Amino acid sequence: MYWSSRTAGAGLLGAAAYVLAIVSWFTILVTGEHYRTIRGFCLFYLRWRTRAPAYMSLLVDAYPPCALD
């Protein structure tokens, strides 16, 4: 119950980004650096999470890319 109310229906990508954000926080705390792969995935998710509602709200014409590039 708590998990679904926290993510607000973010789905599998949102759950993965949530877990990786916590892992990233601990790795930064311990090592002092941010891993590129975790950072890249979190940035991908945040960009996609911003673009998808903008597309659905008819604020932009281009559909948001779904590739992990």
PDB file of N, CA and C in Angstrom:
ATOM      1  N   MET A   1       0.812  -1.177   0.000  1.00  0.00           N
ATOM      2  CA  MET A   1       0.000   0.000   0.000  1.00  0.00           C
ATOM      3  C   MET A   1       0.871   1.262   0.000  1.00  0.00           C
ATOM      4  N   TYR A   2       1.874   1.291   0.847  1.00  0.00           N
ATOM      5  CA  TYR A   2       2.735   2.465   0.929  1.00  0.00           C
ATOM      6  C   TYR A   2       3.472   2.700  -0.387  1.00  0.00           C
ATOM      7  N   TRP A   3       3.983   1.623  -0.993  1.00  0.00           N
ATOM      8  CA  TRP A   3       4.767   1.767  -2.212  1.00  0.00           C
ATOM      9  C   TRP A   3       3.927   2.370  -3.337  1.00  0.00           C
ATOM     10  N   SER A   4       2.700   1.897  -3.532  1.00  0.00           N
ATOM     11  CA  SER A   4       1.884   2.400  -4.630  1.00  0.00           C
ATOM     12  C   SER A   4       1.443   3.847  -4.399  1.00  0.00           C
ATOM     13  N   SER A   5       1.243   4.235  -3.166  1.00  0.00           N
ATOM     14  CA  SER A   5       0.852   5.622  -2.933  1.00  0.00           C
ATOM     15  C   SER A   5       2.038   6.569  -3.067  1.00  0.00           C
ATOM     16  N   ARG A   6       3.266   6.084  -2.827  1.00  0.00           N
ATOM     17  CA  ARG A   6       4.455   6.923  -2.953  1.00  0.00           C
ATOM     18  C   ARG A   6       4.815   7.191  -4.406  1.00  0.00           C
ATOM     19  N   THR A   7       4.716   6.183  -5.251  1.00  0.00           N
ATOM     20  CA  THR A   7       5.141   6.338  -6.634  1.00  0.00           C
ATOM     21  C   THR A   7       4.052   6.919  -7.521  1.00  0.00           C
ATOM     22  N   ALA A   8       2.838   6.947  -7.072  1.00  0.00           N
ATOM     23  CA  ALA A   8       1.703   7.526  -7.805  1.00  0.00           C
ATOM     24  C   ALA A   8       1.550   6.925  -9.201  1.00  0.00           C
ATOM     25  N   GLY A   9       1.680   5.607  -9.293  1.00  0.00           N
ATOM     26  CA  GLY A   9       1.499   4.938 -10.557  1.00  0.00           C
ATOM     27  C   GLY A   9       2.639   5.147 -11.535  1.00  0.00           C
ATOM     28  N   ALA A  10       3.864   5.246 -11.055  1.00  0.00           N
ATOM     29  CA  ALA A  10       5.005   5.509 -11.921  1.00  0.00           C
ATOM     30  C   ALA A  10       5.415   4.277 -12.724  1.00  0.00           C
ATOM     31  N   GLY A  11       4.955   3.109 -12.347  1.00  0.00           N
ATOM     32  CA  GLY A  11       5.244   1.905 -13.086  1.00  0.00           C
ATOM     33  C   GLY A  11       6.609   1.310 -12.778  1.00  0.00           C
ATOM     34  N   LEU A  12       7.025   0.408 -13.639  1.00  0.00           N
ATOM     35  CA  LEU A  12       8.282  -0.312 -13.435  1.00  0.00           C
ATOM     36  C   LEU A  12       9.491   0.606 -13.542  1.00  0.00           C
ATOM     37  N   LEU A  13       9.488   1.508 -14.511  1.00  0.00           N
ATOM     38  CA  LEU A  13      10.606   2.448 -14.635  1.00  0.00           C
ATOM     39  C   LEU A  13      10.699   3.363 -13.422  1.00  0.00           C
ATOM     40  N   GLY A  14       9.582   3.798 -12.924  1.00  0.00           N
ATOM     41  CA  GLY A  14       9.571   4.650 -11.741  1.00  0.00           C
ATOM     42  C   GLY A  14      10.065   3.921 -10.506  1.00  0.00           C
ATOM     43  N   ALA A  15       9.675   2.669 -10.371  1.00  0.00           N
ATOM     44  CA  ALA A  15      10.137   1.871  -9.237  1.00  0.00           C
ATOM     45  C   ALA A  15      11.645   1.662  -9.315  1.00  0.00           C
ATOM     46  N   ALA A  16      12.142   1.383 -10.519  1.00  0.00           N
ATOM     47  CA  ALA A  16      13.592   1.203 -10.696  1.00  0.00           C
ATOM     48  C   ALA A  16      14.333   2.503 -10.413  1.00  0.00           C
ATOM     49  N   ALA A  17      13.804   3.622 -10.868  1.00  0.00           N
ATOM     50  CA  ALA A  17      14.447   4.919 -10.611  1.00  0.00           C
ATOM     51  C   ALA A  17      14.432   5.245  -9.126  1.00  0.00           C
ATOM     52  N   TYR A  18      13.371   4.897  -8.442  1.00  0.00           N
ATOM     53  CA  TYR A  18      13.259   5.127  -7.010  1.00  0.00           C
ATOM     54  C   TYR A  18      14.325   4.338  -6.247  1.00  0.00           C
ATOM     55  N   VAL A  19      14.464   3.064  -6.579  1.00  0.00           N
ATOM     56  CA  VAL A  19      15.466   2.211  -5.919  1.00  0.00           C
ATOM     57  C   VAL A  19      16.871   2.682  -6.269  1.00  0.00           C
ATOM     58  N   LEU A  20      17.107   3.003  -7.526  1.00  0.00           N
ATOM     59  CA  LEU A  20      18.441   3.459  -7.933  1.00  0.00           C
ATOM     60  C   LEU A  20      18.804   4.811  -7.328  1.00  0.00           C
ATOM     61  N   ALA A  21      17.834   5.660  -7.071  1.00  0.00           N
ATOM     62  CA  ALA A  21      18.116   6.935  -6.414  1.00  0.00           C
ATOM     63  C   ALA A  21      18.617   6.700  -4.991  1.00  0.00           C
ATOM     64  N   ILE A  22      18.037   5.733  -4.308  1.00  0.00           N
ATOM     65  CA  ILE A  22      18.488   5.410  -2.956  1.00  0.00           C
ATOM     66  C   ILE A  22      19.877   4.785  -2.997  1.00  0.00           C
ATOM     67  N   VAL A  23      20.094   3.849  -3.933  1.00  0.00           N
ATOM     68  CA  VAL A  23      21.421   3.239  -4.091  1.00  0.00           C
ATOM     69  C   VAL A  23      22.451   4.297  -4.445  1.00  0.00           C
ATOM     70  N   SER A  24      22.087   5.213  -5.311  1.00  0.00           N
ATOM     71  CA  SER A  24      22.991   6.281  -5.723  1.00  0.00           C
ATOM     72  C   SER A  24      23.358   7.174  -4.551  1.00  0.00           C
ATOM     73  N   TRP A  25      22.388   7.479  -3.711  1.00  0.00           N
ATOM     74  CA  TRP A  25      22.663   8.315  -2.546  1.00  0.00           C
ATOM     75  C   TRP A  25      23.714   7.664  -1.652  1.00  0.00           C
ATOM     76  N   PHE A  26      23.575   6.361  -1.423  1.00  0.00           N
ATOM     77  CA  PHE A  26      24.548   5.665  -0.592  1.00  0.00           C
ATOM     78  C   PHE A  26      25.919   5.573  -1.255  1.00  0.00           C
ATOM     79  N   THR A  27      25.963   5.367  -2.576  1.00  0.00           N
ATOM     80  CA  THR A  27      27.268   5.301  -3.241  1.00  0.00           C
ATOM     81  C   THR A  27      27.962   6.658  -3.228  1.00  0.00           C
ATOM     82  N   ILE A  28      27.209   7.720  -3.360  1.00  0.00           N
ATOM     83  CA  ILE A  28      27.808   9.056  -3.274  1.00  0.00           C
ATOM     84  C   ILE A  28      28.303   9.314  -1.856  1.00  0.00           C
ATOM     85  N   LEU A  29      27.545   8.880  -0.890  1.00  0.00           N
ATOM     86  CA  LEU A  29      27.925   9.068   0.505  1.00  0.00           C
ATOM     87  C   LEU A  29      29.209   8.310   0.843  1.00  0.00           C
ATOM     88  N   VAL A  30      29.345   7.081   0.329  1.00  0.00           N
ATOM     89  CA  VAL A  30      30.492   6.233   0.657  1.00  0.00           C
ATOM     90  C   VAL A  30      31.697   6.553  -0.219  1.00  0.00           C
ATOM     91  N   THR A  31      31.513   6.620  -1.530  1.00  0.00           N
ATOM     92  CA  THR A  31      32.650   6.779  -2.443  1.00  0.00           C
ATOM     93  C   THR A  31      32.916   8.217  -2.840  1.00  0.00           C
ATOM     94  N   GLY A  32      31.919   9.067  -2.739  1.00  0.00           N
ATOM     95  CA  GLY A  32      32.085  10.465  -3.123  1.00  0.00           C
ATOM     96  C   GLY A  32      31.906  10.724  -4.605  1.00  0.00           C
ATOM     97  N   GLU A  33      31.466   9.720  -5.350  1.00  0.00           N
ATOM     98  CA  GLU A  33      31.225   9.920  -6.789  1.00  0.00           C
ATOM     99  C   GLU A  33      29.934   9.238  -7.208  1.00  0.00           C
ATOM    100  N   HIS A  34      29.400   9.705  -8.307  1.00  0.00           N
ATOM    101  CA  HIS A  34      28.131   9.217  -8.842  1.00  0.00           C
ATOM    102  C   HIS A  34      28.429   8.297 -10.014  1.00  0.00           C
ATOM    103  N   TYR A  35      27.916   7.066  -9.987  1.00  0.00           N
ATOM    104  CA  TYR A  35      28.157   6.135 -11.091  1.00  0.00           C
ATOM    105  C   TYR A  35      27.425   6.603 -12.346  1.00  0.00           C
ATOM    106  N   ARG A  36      28.095   6.527 -13.473  1.00  0.00           N
ATOM    107  CA  ARG A  36      27.524   7.025 -14.732  1.00  0.00           C
ATOM    108  C   ARG A  36      26.279   6.266 -15.155  1.00  0.00           C
ATOM    109  N   THR A  37      26.261   4.953 -14.968  1.00  0.00           N
ATOM    110  CA  THR A  37      25.111   4.171 -15.421  1.00  0.00           C
ATOM    111  C   THR A  37      23.862   4.490 -14.606  1.00  0.00           C
ATOM    112  N   ILE A  38      24.019   4.602 -13.301  1.00  0.00           N
ATOM    113  CA  ILE A  38      22.868   4.936 -12.457  1.00  0.00           C
ATOM    114  C   ILE A  38      22.402   6.354 -12.758  1.00  0.00           C
ATOM    115  N   ARG A  39      23.346   7.273 -12.899  1.00  0.00           N
ATOM    116  CA  ARG A  39      23.006   8.658 -13.214  1.00  0.00           C
ATOM    117  C   ARG A  39      22.297   8.754 -14.563  1.00  0.00           C
ATOM    118  N   GLY A  40      22.811   8.011 -15.544  1.00  0.00           N
ATOM    119  CA  GLY A  40      22.197   8.019 -16.870  1.00  0.00           C
ATOM    120  C   GLY A  40      20.767   7.511 -16.855  1.00  0.00           C
ATOM    121  N   PHE A  41      20.523   6.430 -16.103  1.00  0.00           N
ATOM    122  CA  PHE A  41      19.166   5.897 -16.034  1.00  0.00           C
ATOM    123  C   PHE A  41      18.230   6.874 -15.334  1.00  0.00           C
ATOM    124  N   CYS A  42      18.679   7.460 -14.233  1.00  0.00           N
ATOM    125  CA  CYS A  42      17.836   8.422 -13.505  1.00  0.00           C
ATOM    126  C   CYS A  42      17.536   9.649 -14.361  1.00  0.00           C
ATOM    127  N   LEU A  43      18.527  10.122 -15.116  1.00  0.00           N
ATOM    128  CA  LEU A  43      18.286  11.257 -16.010  1.00  0.00           C
ATOM    129  C   LEU A  43      17.313  10.888 -17.123  1.00  0.00           C
ATOM    130  N   PHE A  44      17.461   9.680 -17.666  1.00  0.00           N
ATOM    131  CA  PHE A  44      16.528   9.212 -18.688  1.00  0.00           C
ATOM    132  C   PHE A  44      15.102   9.206 -18.141  1.00  0.00           C
ATOM    133  N   TYR A  45      14.942   8.667 -16.939  1.00  0.00           N
ATOM    134  CA  TYR A  45      13.602   8.581 -16.360  1.00  0.00           C
ATOM    135  C   TYR A  45      13.011   9.965 -16.105  1.00  0.00           C
ATOM    136  N   LEU A  46      13.809  10.867 -15.561  1.00  0.00           N
ATOM    137  CA  LEU A  46      13.297  12.210 -15.283  1.00  0.00           C
ATOM    138  C   LEU A  46      12.930  12.955 -16.559  1.00  0.00           C
ATOM    139  N   ARG A  47      13.741  12.793 -17.603  1.00  0.00           N
ATOM    140  CA  ARG A  47      13.415  13.433 -18.881  1.00  0.00           C
ATOM    141  C   ARG A  47      12.145  12.856 -19.474  1.00  0.00           C
ATOM    142  N   TRP A  48      12.036  11.519 -19.431  1.00  0.00           N
ATOM    143  CA  TRP A  48      10.858  10.876 -19.988  1.00  0.00           C
ATOM    144  C   TRP A  48       9.619  11.251 -19.186  1.00  0.00           C
ATOM    145  N   ARG A  49       9.741  11.293 -17.867  1.00  0.00           N
ATOM    146  CA  ARG A  49       8.618  11.614 -16.989  1.00  0.00           C
ATOM    147  C   ARG A  49       8.163  13.061 -17.183  1.00  0.00           C
ATOM    148  N   THR A  50       9.048  13.915 -17.659  1.00  0.00           N
ATOM    149  CA  THR A  50       8.673  15.291 -17.952  1.00  0.00           C
ATOM    150  C   THR A  50       8.062  15.411 -19.346  1.00  0.00           C
ATOM    151  N   ARG A  51       8.642  14.710 -20.304  1.00  0.00           N
ATOM    152  CA  ARG A  51       8.178  14.825 -21.696  1.00  0.00           C
ATOM    153  C   ARG A  51       6.836  14.153 -21.941  1.00  0.00           C
ATOM    154  N   ALA A  52       6.596  13.010 -21.309  1.00  0.00           N
ATOM    155  CA  ALA A  52       5.359  12.275 -21.560  1.00  0.00           C
ATOM    156  C   ALA A  52       4.118  13.075 -21.144  1.00  0.00           C
ATOM    157  N   PRO A  53       4.052  13.643 -19.938  1.00  0.00           N
ATOM    158  CA  PRO A  53       2.877  14.465 -19.612  1.00  0.00           C
ATOM    159  C   PRO A  53       2.770  15.730 -20.469  1.00  0.00           C
ATOM    160  N   ALA A  54       3.921  16.280 -20.878  1.00  0.00           N
ATOM    161  CA  ALA A  54       3.868  17.453 -21.761  1.00  0.00           C
ATOM    162  C   ALA A  54       3.241  17.068 -23.098  1.00  0.00           C
ATOM    163  N   TYR A  55       3.579  15.896 -23.608  1.00  0.00           N
ATOM    164  CA  TYR A  55       2.986  15.412 -24.851  1.00  0.00           C
ATOM    165  C   TYR A  55       1.487  15.148 -24.664  1.00  0.00           C
ATOM    166  N   MET A  56       1.135  14.523 -23.545  1.00  0.00           N
ATOM    167  CA  MET A  56      -0.277  14.214 -23.295  1.00  0.00           C
ATOM    168  C   MET A  56      -1.103  15.475 -23.060  1.00  0.00           C
ATOM    169  N   SER A  57      -0.471  16.541 -22.589  1.00  0.00           N
ATOM    170  CA  SER A  57      -1.168  17.806 -22.368  1.00  0.00           C
ATOM    171  C   SER A  57      -1.178  18.688 -23.608  1.00  0.00           C
ATOM    172  N   LEU A  58      -0.667  18.163 -24.715  1.00  0.00           N
ATOM    173  CA  LEU A  58      -0.594  18.852 -26.000  1.00  0.00           C
ATOM    174  C   LEU A  58       0.294  20.098 -25.945  1.00  0.00           C
ATOM    175  N   LEU A  59       1.332  20.066 -25.104  1.00  0.00           N
ATOM    176  CA  LEU A  59       2.270  21.179 -25.025  1.00  0.00           C
ATOM    177  C   LEU A  59       3.390  21.060 -26.055  1.00  0.00           C
ATOM    178  N   VAL A  60       3.666  19.846 -26.521  1.00  0.00           N
ATOM    179  CA  VAL A  60       4.681  19.609 -27.550  1.00  0.00           C
ATOM    180  C   VAL A  60       4.095  18.677 -28.602  1.00  0.00           C
ATOM    181  N   ASP A  61       4.658  18.741 -29.820  1.00  0.00           N
ATOM    182  CA  ASP A  61       4.167  17.898 -30.902  1.00  0.00           C
ATOM    183  C   ASP A  61       4.891  16.558 -31.015  1.00  0.00           C
ATOM    184  N   ALA A  62       6.177  16.551 -30.678  1.00  0.00           N
ATOM    185  CA  ALA A  62       6.975  15.331 -30.843  1.00  0.00           C
ATOM    186  C   ALA A  62       6.731  14.366 -29.698  1.00  0.00           C
ATOM    187  N   TYR A  63       6.534  13.084 -30.043  1.00  0.00           N
ATOM    188  CA  TYR A  63       6.354  12.057 -29.030  1.00  0.00           C
ATOM    189  C   TYR A  63       7.689  11.828 -28.329  1.00  0.00           C
ATOM    190  N   PRO A  64       7.690  11.657 -27.000  1.00  0.00           N
ATOM    191  CA  PRO A  64       8.958  11.476 -26.280  1.00  0.00           C
ATOM    192  C   PRO A  64       9.634  10.162 -26.657  1.00  0.00           C
ATOM    193  N   PRO A  65      10.961  10.186 -26.855  1.00  0.00           N
ATOM    194  CA  PRO A  65      11.662   8.956 -27.212  1.00  0.00           C
ATOM    195  C   PRO A  65      11.641   7.962 -26.055  1.00  0.00           C
ATOM    196  N   CYS A  66      11.602   6.688 -26.389  1.00  0.00           N
ATOM    197  CA  CYS A  66      11.577   5.633 -25.367  1.00  0.00           C
ATOM    198  C   CYS A  66      12.886   4.853 -25.322  1.00  0.00           C
ATOM    199  N   ALA A  67      13.886   5.279 -26.056  1.00  0.00           N
ATOM    200  CA  ALA A  67      15.172   4.582 -26.082  1.00  0.00           C
ATOM    201  C   ALA A  67      15.996   4.984 -24.871  1.00  0.00           C
ATOM    202  N   LEU A  68      16.836   4.073 -24.430  1.00  0.00           N
ATOM    203  CA  LEU A  68      17.708   4.332 -23.285  1.00  0.00           C
ATOM    204  C   LEU A  68      19.044   4.901 -23.735  1.00  0.00           C
ATOM    205  N   ASP A  69      19.055   5.788 -24.712  1.00  0.00           N
ATOM    206  CA  ASP A  69      20.307   6.374 -25.213  1.00  0.00           C
ATOM    207  C   ASP A  69      20.774   7.481 -24.340  1.00  0.00           C
TER     208      ASP A  69
END
